[in-house]
Amino acid sequence: MTTSNELRLLPWTGPEGKPCFLSTDGSDGHVSRLADSIESVQLGVAAELLDQALDVLADADTELDELRLLAKDLTGALRDTLRVAISRGHRLATSG
């Protein structure tokens, strides 16, 4: 098993919003593969939202409600993307 400083931060939180971690010997387990898949989806959503944001912000007639919804969606995508980056950064640091 991994040591406590080698725990993988998972791309989801627990019921109370607290981070979830995985202790495993490798990246080929079911939960690791599930986490990899979810991270991929989260990064894809962030990329799509970035494209959408560029379009919305370029439109001078964009309604305030649409901007608020976009800001909410971008905030969630940024949170997910940061969690992925932190998780991957920790794994890079422990593998070296």
Protein backbone atom coordinates (compact mmCIF):
# COMPACT_ATOMS: atom_id res chain seq x y z
CA MET A 1 0.00 0.00 0.00
CA THR A 2 1.00 3.60 -0.42
CA THR A 3 2.19 5.82 2.40
CA SER A 4 -0.01 8.66 3.62
CA ASN A 5 1.81 11.22 1.48
CA GLU A 6 1.11 9.10 -1.62
CA LEU A 7 -2.67 9.08 -1.33
CA ARG A 8 -4.45 9.99 -4.54
CA LEU A 9 -6.87 12.89 -4.36
CA LEU A 10 -10.00 11.69 -6.15
CA PRO A 11 -11.97 13.94 -8.54
CA TRP A 12 -15.05 13.94 -6.32
CA THR A 13 -15.89 14.89 -2.76
CA GLY A 14 -17.66 13.07 0.02
CA PRO A 15 -21.21 13.80 1.20
CA GLU A 16 -20.08 16.75 3.32
CA GLY A 17 -17.92 18.22 0.56
CA LYS A 18 -14.70 16.89 2.06
CA PRO A 19 -11.99 15.52 -0.26
CA CYS A 20 -11.81 11.80 -0.96
CA PHE A 21 -8.51 9.94 -1.21
CA LEU A 22 -7.46 6.56 -2.56
CA SER A 23 -4.65 4.43 -1.21
CA THR A 24 -3.51 1.89 -3.80
CA ASP A 25 -0.42 0.13 -5.11
CA GLY A 26 -1.04 1.08 -8.74
CA SER A 27 -3.20 2.87 -11.25
CA ASP A 28 -4.86 -0.19 -12.78
CA GLY A 29 -7.50 -0.75 -10.10
CA HIS A 30 -11.20 -0.12 -10.67
CA VAL A 31 -11.39 3.07 -8.59
CA SER A 32 -8.21 4.47 -10.18
CA ARG A 33 -9.58 3.84 -13.66
CA LEU A 34 -12.92 5.39 -12.67
CA ALA A 35 -11.11 8.46 -11.29
CA ASP A 36 -9.06 8.74 -14.51
CA SER A 37 -12.26 8.61 -16.56
CA ILE A 38 -14.03 11.22 -14.44
CA GLU A 39 -10.98 13.52 -14.59
CA SER A 40 -11.02 13.23 -18.38
CA VAL A 41 -14.71 14.17 -18.51
CA GLN A 42 -14.16 17.09 -16.12
CA LEU A 43 -11.31 18.47 -18.24
CA GLY A 44 -13.42 18.07 -21.38
CA VAL A 45 -16.30 19.98 -19.79
CA ALA A 46 -13.89 22.76 -18.79
CA ALA A 47 -12.62 23.03 -22.37
CA GLU A 48 -16.17 23.20 -23.73
CA LEU A 49 -17.12 25.86 -21.19
CA LEU A 50 -14.09 27.93 -22.13
CA ASP A 51 -15.20 27.90 -25.78
CA GLN A 52 -18.74 28.80 -24.71
CA ALA A 53 -17.46 31.63 -22.50
CA LEU A 54 -15.51 33.13 -25.38
CA ASP A 55 -18.66 33.14 -27.52
CA VAL A 56 -20.88 34.54 -24.77
CA LEU A 57 -18.44 37.29 -23.84
CA ALA A 58 -18.02 38.29 -27.48
CA ASP A 59 -21.79 38.87 -27.77
CA ALA A 60 -22.66 42.38 -26.59
CA ASP A 61 -26.34 41.36 -26.28
CA THR A 62 -25.72 38.62 -23.71
CA GLU A 63 -28.27 38.74 -20.90
CA LEU A 64 -27.15 39.13 -17.30
CA ASP A 65 -28.80 35.82 -16.32
CA GLU A 66 -26.81 34.03 -19.02
CA LEU A 67 -23.59 35.59 -17.71
CA ARG A 68 -24.43 34.51 -14.16
CA LEU A 69 -25.10 30.93 -15.27
CA LEU A 70 -21.86 30.91 -17.25
CA ALA A 71 -19.94 32.22 -14.21
CA LYS A 72 -21.48 29.50 -12.02
CA ASP A 73 -20.61 26.77 -14.55
CA LEU A 74 -17.08 28.13 -15.02
CA THR A 75 -16.56 28.24 -11.25
CA GLY A 76 -17.49 24.55 -10.96
CA ALA A 77 -15.27 23.62 -13.89
CA LEU A 78 -12.36 25.58 -12.42
CA ARG A 79 -12.81 23.84 -9.06
CA ASP A 80 -12.78 20.43 -10.78
CA THR A 81 -9.78 21.34 -12.94
CA LEU A 82 -7.80 22.54 -9.92
CA ARG A 83 -8.58 19.29 -8.10
CA VAL A 84 -7.31 17.31 -11.11
CA ALA A 85 -4.15 19.43 -11.27
CA ILE A 86 -3.47 19.05 -7.55
CA SER A 87 -4.03 15.30 -7.70
CA ARG A 88 -1.77 14.86 -10.72
CA GLY A 89 0.86 17.15 -9.25
CA HIS A 90 0.99 15.10 -6.06
CA ARG A 91 1.33 11.88 -8.06
CA LEU A 92 4.16 13.36 -10.13
CA ALA A 93 5.96 14.52 -6.98
CA THR A 94 5.74 11.09 -5.31
CA SER A 95 6.74 9.16 -8.44
CA GLY A 96 10.03 11.07 -8.85
